[in-house]
Amino acid sequence: MSEQLIRALLLAFVVTFHWWRGRRVPLYGRHMADRFGRYDRPLPQGGTWLHAVSLGETRSALALVRLMLDRGERVIITNFTPTG
């Protein structure tokens, strides 16, 4: 199998899994597009958007986010996992 086919199958599995879980637990399904790195709402003027996959990545970015906030910047953070 080609690498592209494997990636497509894995992506289909991940999307189906999250869709199914979101049907069973409605709060899990909220902001699903954000999890896949899609933020459809307008960014605040001068805002910066950070996308982290997990809670660990969010915590790792915390020092950067604090620095940006201290400088008066606006920050939007999205995550792949609900815990993030």
PDB file of N, CA and C in Angstrom:
ATOM      1  N   MET A   1       0.835  -1.195   0.000  1.00  0.00           N
ATOM      2  CA  MET A   1       0.000   0.000   0.000  1.00  0.00           C
ATOM      3  C   MET A   1       0.868   1.242   0.000  1.00  0.00           C
ATOM      4  N   SER A   2       0.411   2.250  -0.683  1.00  0.00           N
ATOM      5  CA  SER A   2       1.178   3.494  -0.728  1.00  0.00           C
ATOM      6  C   SER A   2       0.989   4.274   0.576  1.00  0.00           C
ATOM      7  N   GLU A   3       1.927   5.143   0.824  1.00  0.00           N
ATOM      8  CA  GLU A   3       1.885   5.964   2.028  1.00  0.00           C
ATOM      9  C   GLU A   3       0.653   6.872   2.035  1.00  0.00           C
ATOM     10  N   GLN A   4       0.283   7.399   0.877  1.00  0.00           N
ATOM     11  CA  GLN A   4      -0.906   8.262   0.785  1.00  0.00           C
ATOM     12  C   GLN A   4      -2.175   7.508   1.142  1.00  0.00           C
ATOM     13  N   LEU A   5      -2.285   6.275   0.683  1.00  0.00           N
ATOM     14  CA  LEU A   5      -3.471   5.478   0.982  1.00  0.00           C
ATOM     15  C   LEU A   5      -3.552   5.179   2.468  1.00  0.00           C
ATOM     16  N   ILE A   6      -2.432   4.851   3.070  1.00  0.00           N
ATOM     17  CA  ILE A   6      -2.409   4.573   4.510  1.00  0.00           C
ATOM     18  C   ILE A   6      -2.823   5.814   5.295  1.00  0.00           C
ATOM     19  N   ARG A   7      -2.301   6.975   4.910  1.00  0.00           N
ATOM     20  CA  ARG A   7      -2.678   8.218   5.595  1.00  0.00           C
ATOM     21  C   ARG A   7      -4.170   8.505   5.434  1.00  0.00           C
ATOM     22  N   ALA A   8      -4.696   8.297   4.252  1.00  0.00           N
ATOM     23  CA  ALA A   8      -6.123   8.548   4.007  1.00  0.00           C
ATOM     24  C   ALA A   8      -6.980   7.621   4.859  1.00  0.00           C
ATOM     25  N   LEU A   9      -6.601   6.364   4.959  1.00  0.00           N
ATOM     26  CA  LEU A   9      -7.354   5.409   5.774  1.00  0.00           C
ATOM     27  C   LEU A   9      -7.285   5.774   7.259  1.00  0.00           C
ATOM     28  N   LEU A  10      -6.104   6.163   7.711  1.00  0.00           N
ATOM     29  CA  LEU A  10      -5.962   6.563   9.116  1.00  0.00           C
ATOM     30  C   LEU A  10      -6.776   7.814   9.419  1.00  0.00           C
ATOM     31  N   LEU A  11      -6.748   8.761   8.511  1.00  0.00           N
ATOM     32  CA  LEU A  11      -7.534   9.978   8.711  1.00  0.00           C
ATOM     33  C   LEU A  11      -9.025   9.662   8.747  1.00  0.00           C
ATOM     34  N   ALA A  12      -9.472   8.795   7.860  1.00  0.00           N
ATOM     35  CA  ALA A  12     -10.884   8.393   7.859  1.00  0.00           C
ATOM     36  C   ALA A  12     -11.257   7.738   9.182  1.00  0.00           C
ATOM     37  N   PHE A  13     -10.364   6.904   9.707  1.00  0.00           N
ATOM     38  CA  PHE A  13     -10.615   6.256  10.996  1.00  0.00           C
ATOM     39  C   PHE A  13     -10.700   7.286  12.116  1.00  0.00           C
ATOM     40  N   VAL A  14      -9.770   8.220  12.153  1.00  0.00           N
ATOM     41  CA  VAL A  14      -9.747   9.239  13.213  1.00  0.00           C
ATOM     42  C   VAL A  14     -10.998  10.105  13.160  1.00  0.00           C
ATOM     43  N   VAL A  15     -11.366  10.544  11.973  1.00  0.00           N
ATOM     44  CA  VAL A  15     -12.563  11.384  11.831  1.00  0.00           C
ATOM     45  C   VAL A  15     -13.814  10.617  12.244  1.00  0.00           C
ATOM     46  N   THR A  16     -13.925   9.367  11.814  1.00  0.00           N
ATOM     47  CA  THR A  16     -15.082   8.542  12.185  1.00  0.00           C
ATOM     48  C   THR A  16     -15.141   8.323  13.685  1.00  0.00           C
ATOM     49  N   PHE A  17     -13.986   8.034  14.282  1.00  0.00           N
ATOM     50  CA  PHE A  17     -13.946   7.830  15.735  1.00  0.00           C
ATOM     51  C   PHE A  17     -14.439   9.067  16.464  1.00  0.00           C
ATOM     52  N   HIS A  18     -13.931  10.246  16.107  1.00  0.00           N
ATOM     53  CA  HIS A  18     -14.339  11.477  16.794  1.00  0.00           C
ATOM     54  C   HIS A  18     -15.803  11.809  16.521  1.00  0.00           C
ATOM     55  N   TRP A  19     -16.261  11.562  15.329  1.00  0.00           N
ATOM     56  CA  TRP A  19     -17.674  11.796  15.016  1.00  0.00           C
ATOM     57  C   TRP A  19     -18.555  10.896  15.879  1.00  0.00           C
ATOM     58  N   TRP A  20     -18.206   9.613  15.977  1.00  0.00           N
ATOM     59  CA  TRP A  20     -18.995   8.657  16.758  1.00  0.00           C
ATOM     60  C   TRP A  20     -18.991   9.026  18.233  1.00  0.00           C
ATOM     61  N   ARG A  21     -17.838   9.355  18.747  1.00  0.00           N
ATOM     62  CA  ARG A  21     -17.752   9.719  20.160  1.00  0.00           C
ATOM     63  C   ARG A  21     -18.519  11.013  20.431  1.00  0.00           C
ATOM     64  N   GLY A  22     -18.466  11.944  19.503  1.00  0.00           N
ATOM     65  CA  GLY A  22     -19.209  13.184  19.655  1.00  0.00           C
ATOM     66  C   GLY A  22     -20.713  12.985  19.652  1.00  0.00           C
ATOM     67  N   ARG A  23     -21.176  11.952  18.955  1.00  0.00           N
ATOM     68  CA  ARG A  23     -22.616  11.636  18.979  1.00  0.00           C
ATOM     69  C   ARG A  23     -23.033  11.089  20.335  1.00  0.00           C
ATOM     70  N   ARG A  24     -22.183  10.276  20.933  1.00  0.00           N
ATOM     71  CA  ARG A  24     -22.499   9.682  22.235  1.00  0.00           C
ATOM     72  C   ARG A  24     -22.347  10.680  23.375  1.00  0.00           C
ATOM     73  N   VAL A  25     -21.355  11.559  23.284  1.00  0.00           N
ATOM     74  CA  VAL A  25     -21.084  12.552  24.326  1.00  0.00           C
ATOM     75  C   VAL A  25     -21.079  13.924  23.646  1.00  0.00           C
ATOM     76  N   PRO A  26     -22.215  14.617  23.682  1.00  0.00           N
ATOM     77  CA  PRO A  26     -22.334  15.867  22.921  1.00  0.00           C
ATOM     78  C   PRO A  26     -21.247  16.902  23.226  1.00  0.00           C
ATOM     79  N   LEU A  27     -20.810  17.029  24.475  1.00  0.00           N
ATOM     80  CA  LEU A  27     -19.774  18.009  24.785  1.00  0.00           C
ATOM     81  C   LEU A  27     -18.448  17.652  24.115  1.00  0.00           C
ATOM     82  N   TYR A  28     -18.222  16.374  23.879  1.00  0.00           N
ATOM     83  CA  TYR A  28     -17.000  15.940  23.202  1.00  0.00           C
ATOM     84  C   TYR A  28     -16.983  16.437  21.758  1.00  0.00           C
ATOM     85  N   GLY A  29     -18.141  16.532  21.166  1.00  0.00           N
ATOM     86  CA  GLY A  29     -18.239  16.929  19.770  1.00  0.00           C
ATOM     87  C   GLY A  29     -18.122  18.418  19.518  1.00  0.00           C
ATOM     88  N   ARG A  30     -18.140  19.210  20.582  1.00  0.00           N
ATOM     89  CA  ARG A  30     -18.049  20.663  20.409  1.00  0.00           C
ATOM     90  C   ARG A  30     -16.671  21.063  19.904  1.00  0.00           C
ATOM     91  N   HIS A  31     -16.630  22.022  19.049  1.00  0.00           N
ATOM     92  CA  HIS A  31     -15.383  22.582  18.509  1.00  0.00           C
ATOM     93  C   HIS A  31     -14.548  21.531  17.786  1.00  0.00           C
ATOM     94  N   MET A  32     -15.191  20.628  17.097  1.00  0.00           N
ATOM     95  CA  MET A  32     -14.483  19.550  16.402  1.00  0.00           C
ATOM     96  C   MET A  32     -13.536  20.099  15.332  1.00  0.00           C
ATOM     97  N   ALA A  33     -13.932  21.135  14.630  1.00  0.00           N
ATOM     98  CA  ALA A  33     -13.067  21.693  13.585  1.00  0.00           C
ATOM     99  C   ALA A  33     -11.768  22.230  14.185  1.00  0.00           C
ATOM    100  N   ASP A  34     -11.844  22.796  15.386  1.00  0.00           N
ATOM    101  CA  ASP A  34     -10.652  23.319  16.051  1.00  0.00           C
ATOM    102  C   ASP A  34      -9.608  22.229  16.246  1.00  0.00           C
ATOM    103  N   ARG A  35     -10.073  21.033  16.511  1.00  0.00           N
ATOM    104  CA  ARG A  35      -9.148  19.918  16.765  1.00  0.00           C
ATOM    105  C   ARG A  35      -8.298  19.595  15.554  1.00  0.00           C
ATOM    106  N   PHE A  36      -8.817  19.856  14.397  1.00  0.00           N
ATOM    107  CA  PHE A  36      -8.085  19.545  13.179  1.00  0.00           C
ATOM    108  C   PHE A  36      -7.394  20.778  12.604  1.00  0.00           C
ATOM    109  N   GLY A  37      -7.138  21.766  13.477  1.00  0.00           N
ATOM    110  CA  GLY A  37      -6.399  22.947  13.050  1.00  0.00           C
ATOM    111  C   GLY A  37      -7.199  23.899  12.200  1.00  0.00           C
ATOM    112  N   ARG A  38      -8.493  23.953  12.436  1.00  0.00           N
ATOM    113  CA  ARG A  38      -9.347  24.856  11.666  1.00  0.00           C
ATOM    114  C   ARG A  38     -10.065  25.777  12.647  1.00  0.00           C
ATOM    115  N   TYR A  39      -9.867  27.048  12.502  1.00  0.00           N
ATOM    116  CA  TYR A  39     -10.488  28.051  13.372  1.00  0.00           C
ATOM    117  C   TYR A  39     -11.245  29.012  12.485  1.00  0.00           C
ATOM    118  N   ASP A  40     -12.561  28.878  12.444  1.00  0.00           N
ATOM    119  CA  ASP A  40     -13.384  29.619  11.494  1.00  0.00           C
ATOM    120  C   ASP A  40     -13.827  31.000  11.970  1.00  0.00           C
ATOM    121  N   ARG A  41     -13.663  31.257  13.232  1.00  0.00           N
ATOM    122  CA  ARG A  41     -14.074  32.567  13.729  1.00  0.00           C
ATOM    123  C   ARG A  41     -12.973  33.594  13.434  1.00  0.00           C
ATOM    124  N   PRO A  42     -13.329  34.845  13.293  1.00  0.00           N
ATOM    125  CA  PRO A  42     -12.293  35.847  13.001  1.00  0.00           C
ATOM    126  C   PRO A  42     -11.360  36.028  14.193  1.00  0.00           C
ATOM    127  N   LEU A  43     -10.073  36.156  13.904  1.00  0.00           N
ATOM    128  CA  LEU A  43      -9.099  36.428  14.958  1.00  0.00           C
ATOM    129  C   LEU A  43      -9.253  37.871  15.413  1.00  0.00           C
ATOM    130  N   PRO A  44      -9.017  38.106  16.702  1.00  0.00           N
ATOM    131  CA  PRO A  44      -9.038  39.501  17.151  1.00  0.00           C
ATOM    132  C   PRO A  44      -7.945  40.299  16.437  1.00  0.00           C
ATOM    133  N   GLN A  45      -8.129  41.587  16.349  1.00  0.00           N
ATOM    134  CA  GLN A  45      -7.138  42.447  15.699  1.00  0.00           C
ATOM    135  C   GLN A  45      -5.768  42.219  16.327  1.00  0.00           C
ATOM    136  N   GLY A  46      -4.794  41.867  15.515  1.00  0.00           N
ATOM    137  CA  GLY A  46      -3.447  41.623  16.013  1.00  0.00           C
ATOM    138  C   GLY A  46      -3.300  40.315  16.772  1.00  0.00           C
ATOM    139  N   GLY A  47      -4.288  39.451  16.665  1.00  0.00           N
ATOM    140  CA  GLY A  47      -4.262  38.198  17.411  1.00  0.00           C
ATOM    141  C   GLY A  47      -3.360  37.153  16.783  1.00  0.00           C
ATOM    142  N   THR A  48      -2.906  36.234  17.621  1.00  0.00           N
ATOM    143  CA  THR A  48      -2.075  35.113  17.186  1.00  0.00           C
ATOM    144  C   THR A  48      -2.795  33.831  17.540  1.00  0.00           C
ATOM    145  N   TRP A  49      -2.782  32.910  16.609  1.00  0.00           N
ATOM    146  CA  TRP A  49      -3.452  31.630  16.817  1.00  0.00           C
ATOM    147  C   TRP A  49      -2.395  30.548  16.989  1.00  0.00           C
ATOM    148  N   LEU A  50      -2.480  29.804  18.103  1.00  0.00           N
ATOM    149  CA  LEU A  50      -1.601  28.670  18.368  1.00  0.00           C
ATOM    150  C   LEU A  50      -2.437  27.401  18.382  1.00  0.00           C
ATOM    151  N   HIS A  51      -1.946  26.361  17.724  1.00  0.00           N
ATOM    152  CA  HIS A  51      -2.642  25.076  17.739  1.00  0.00           C
ATOM    153  C   HIS A  51      -1.726  24.047  18.379  1.00  0.00           C
ATOM    154  N   ALA A  52      -2.196  23.423  19.442  1.00  0.00           N
ATOM    155  CA  ALA A  52      -1.444  22.388  20.139  1.00  0.00           C
ATOM    156  C   ALA A  52      -2.227  21.086  20.044  1.00  0.00           C
ATOM    157  N   VAL A  53      -1.518  19.997  19.974  1.00  0.00           N
ATOM    158  CA  VAL A  53      -2.197  18.711  19.839  1.00  0.00           C
ATOM    159  C   VAL A  53      -2.685  18.208  21.189  1.00  0.00           C
ATOM    160  N   SER A  54      -1.886  18.358  22.214  1.00  0.00           N
ATOM    161  CA  SER A  54      -2.218  17.745  23.504  1.00  0.00           C
ATOM    162  C   SER A  54      -2.093  18.753  24.636  1.00  0.00           C
ATOM    163  N   LEU A  55      -2.470  18.305  25.816  1.00  0.00           N
ATOM    164  CA  LEU A  55      -2.320  19.129  27.012  1.00  0.00           C
ATOM    165  C   LEU A  55      -0.845  19.414  27.255  1.00  0.00           C
ATOM    166  N   GLY A  56       0.021  18.437  27.001  1.00  0.00           N
ATOM    167  CA  GLY A  56       1.452  18.636  27.174  1.00  0.00           C
ATOM    168  C   GLY A  56       1.995  19.736  26.282  1.00  0.00           C
ATOM    169  N   GLU A  57       1.555  19.769  25.032  1.00  0.00           N
ATOM    170  CA  GLU A  57       1.989  20.835  24.123  1.00  0.00           C
ATOM    171  C   GLU A  57       1.445  22.187  24.573  1.00  0.00           C
ATOM    172  N   THR A  58       0.238  22.198  25.084  1.00  0.00           N
ATOM    173  CA  THR A  58      -0.333  23.446  25.586  1.00  0.00           C
ATOM    174  C   THR A  58       0.488  23.955  26.756  1.00  0.00           C
ATOM    175  N   ARG A  59       0.839  23.052  27.674  1.00  0.00           N
ATOM    176  CA  ARG A  59       1.660  23.453  28.815  1.00  0.00           C
ATOM    177  C   ARG A  59       3.041  23.916  28.364  1.00  0.00           C
ATOM    178  N   SER A  60       3.586  23.276  27.353  1.00  0.00           N
ATOM    179  CA  SER A  60       4.898  23.681  26.843  1.00  0.00           C
ATOM    180  C   SER A  60       4.857  25.081  26.250  1.00  0.00           C
ATOM    181  N   ALA A  61       3.745  25.453  25.695  1.00  0.00           N
ATOM    182  CA  ALA A  61       3.607  26.777  25.065  1.00  0.00           C
ATOM    183  C   ALA A  61       3.227  27.854  26.069  1.00  0.00           C
ATOM    184  N   LEU A  62       2.987  27.479  27.307  1.00  0.00           N
ATOM    185  CA  LEU A  62       2.492  28.423  28.307  1.00  0.00           C
ATOM    186  C   LEU A  62       3.426  29.620  28.497  1.00  0.00           C
ATOM    187  N   ALA A  63       4.729  29.393  28.556  1.00  0.00           N
ATOM    188  CA  ALA A  63       5.669  30.512  28.735  1.00  0.00           C
ATOM    189  C   ALA A  63       5.582  31.479  27.558  1.00  0.00           C
ATOM    190  N   LEU A  64       5.477  30.940  26.350  1.00  0.00           N
ATOM    191  CA  LEU A  64       5.341  31.781  25.160  1.00  0.00           C
ATOM    192  C   LEU A  64       4.035  32.570  25.207  1.00  0.00           C
ATOM    193  N   VAL A  65       2.956  31.920  25.590  1.00  0.00           N
ATOM    194  CA  VAL A  65       1.653  32.586  25.663  1.00  0.00           C
ATOM    195  C   VAL A  65       1.690  33.704  26.701  1.00  0.00           C
ATOM    196  N   ARG A  66       2.275  33.415  27.860  1.00  0.00           N
ATOM    197  CA  ARG A  66       2.367  34.461  28.898  1.00  0.00           C
ATOM    198  C   ARG A  66       3.180  35.658  28.409  1.00  0.00           C
ATOM    199  N   LEU A  67       4.283  35.396  27.720  1.00  0.00           N
ATOM    200  CA  LEU A  67       5.108  36.476  27.169  1.00  0.00           C
ATOM    201  C   LEU A  67       4.300  37.312  26.182  1.00  0.00           C
ATOM    202  N   MET A  68       3.559  36.636  25.323  1.00  0.00           N
ATOM    203  CA  MET A  68       2.750  37.349  24.336  1.00  0.00           C
ATOM    204  C   MET A  68       1.662  38.177  25.012  1.00  0.00           C
ATOM    205  N   LEU A  69       1.013  37.609  26.033  1.00  0.00           N
ATOM    206  CA  LEU A  69      -0.025  38.345  26.753  1.00  0.00           C
ATOM    207  C   LEU A  69       0.556  39.542  27.494  1.00  0.00           C
ATOM    208  N   ASP A  70       1.742  39.364  28.082  1.00  0.00           N
ATOM    209  CA  ASP A  70       2.396  40.473  28.782  1.00  0.00           C
ATOM    210  C   ASP A  70       2.732  41.615  27.828  1.00  0.00           C
ATOM    211  N   ARG A  71       2.974  41.289  26.568  1.00  0.00           N
ATOM    212  CA  ARG A  71       3.263  42.308  25.557  1.00  0.00           C
ATOM    213  C   ARG A  71       1.986  42.930  24.999  1.00  0.00           C
ATOM    214  N   GLY A  72       0.831  42.483  25.481  1.00  0.00           N
ATOM    215  CA  GLY A  72      -0.440  43.049  25.046  1.00  0.00           C
ATOM    216  C   GLY A  72      -1.041  42.372  23.827  1.00  0.00           C
ATOM    217  N   GLU A  73      -0.460  41.270  23.409  1.00  0.00           N
ATOM    218  CA  GLU A  73      -0.997  40.551  22.254  1.00  0.00           C
ATOM    219  C   GLU A  73      -2.199  39.708  22.673  1.00  0.00           C
ATOM    220  N   ARG A  74      -3.025  39.411  21.716  1.00  0.00           N
ATOM    221  CA  ARG A  74      -4.179  38.545  21.944  1.00  0.00           C
ATOM    222  C   ARG A  74      -3.841  37.175  21.385  1.00  0.00           C
ATOM    223  N   VAL A  75      -4.202  36.133  22.142  1.00  0.00           N
ATOM    224  CA  VAL A  75      -3.822  34.778  21.772  1.00  0.00           C
ATOM    225  C   VAL A  75      -5.049  33.887  21.767  1.00  0.00           C
ATOM    226  N   ILE A  76      -5.187  33.107  20.702  1.00  0.00           N
ATOM    227  CA  ILE A  76      -6.213  32.073  20.601  1.00  0.00           C
ATOM    228  C   ILE A  76      -5.493  30.734  20.582  1.00  0.00           C
ATOM    229  N   ILE A  77      -5.926  29.799  21.423  1.00  0.00           N
ATOM    230  CA  ILE A  77      -5.310  28.469  21.454  1.00  0.00           C
ATOM    231  C   ILE A  77      -6.381  27.433  21.142  1.00  0.00           C
ATOM    232  N   THR A  78      -6.077  26.544  20.188  1.00  0.00           N
ATOM    233  CA  THR A  78      -6.944  25.406  19.904  1.00  0.00           C
ATOM    234  C   THR A  78      -6.137  24.146  20.164  1.00  0.00           C
ATOM    235  N   ASN A  79      -6.865  23.046  20.424  1.00  0.00           N
ATOM    236  CA  ASN A  79      -6.228  21.781  20.749  1.00  0.00           C
ATOM    237  C   ASN A  79      -6.892  20.646  20.015  1.00  0.00           C
ATOM    238  N   PHE A  80      -6.135  19.571  19.803  1.00  0.00           N
ATOM    239  CA  PHE A  80      -6.720  18.378  19.208  1.00  0.00           C
ATOM    240  C   PHE A  80      -7.498  17.586  20.250  1.00  0.00           C
ATOM    241  N   THR A  81      -6.971  17.491  21.456  1.00  0.00           N
ATOM    242  CA  THR A  81      -7.645  16.701  22.492  1.00  0.00           C
ATOM    243  C   THR A  81      -8.527  17.602  23.345  1.00  0.00           C
ATOM    244  N   PRO A  82      -9.634  17.076  23.862  1.00  0.00           N
ATOM    245  CA  PRO A  82     -10.486  17.889  24.731  1.00  0.00           C
ATOM    246  C   PRO A  82      -9.749  18.306  26.007  1.00  0.00           C
ATOM    247  N   THR A  83      -8.831  17.472  26.489  1.00  0.00           N
ATOM    248  CA  THR A  83      -8.091  17.800  27.702  1.00  0.00           C
ATOM    249  C   THR A  83      -7.224  19.022  27.495  1.00  0.00           C
ATOM    250  N   GLY A  84      -6.662  19.154  26.294  1.00  0.00           N
ATOM    251  CA  GLY A  84      -5.817  20.320  25.989  1.00  0.00           C
ATOM    252  C   GLY A  84      -6.589  21.601  26.102  1.00  0.00           C
TER     253      GLY A  84
END
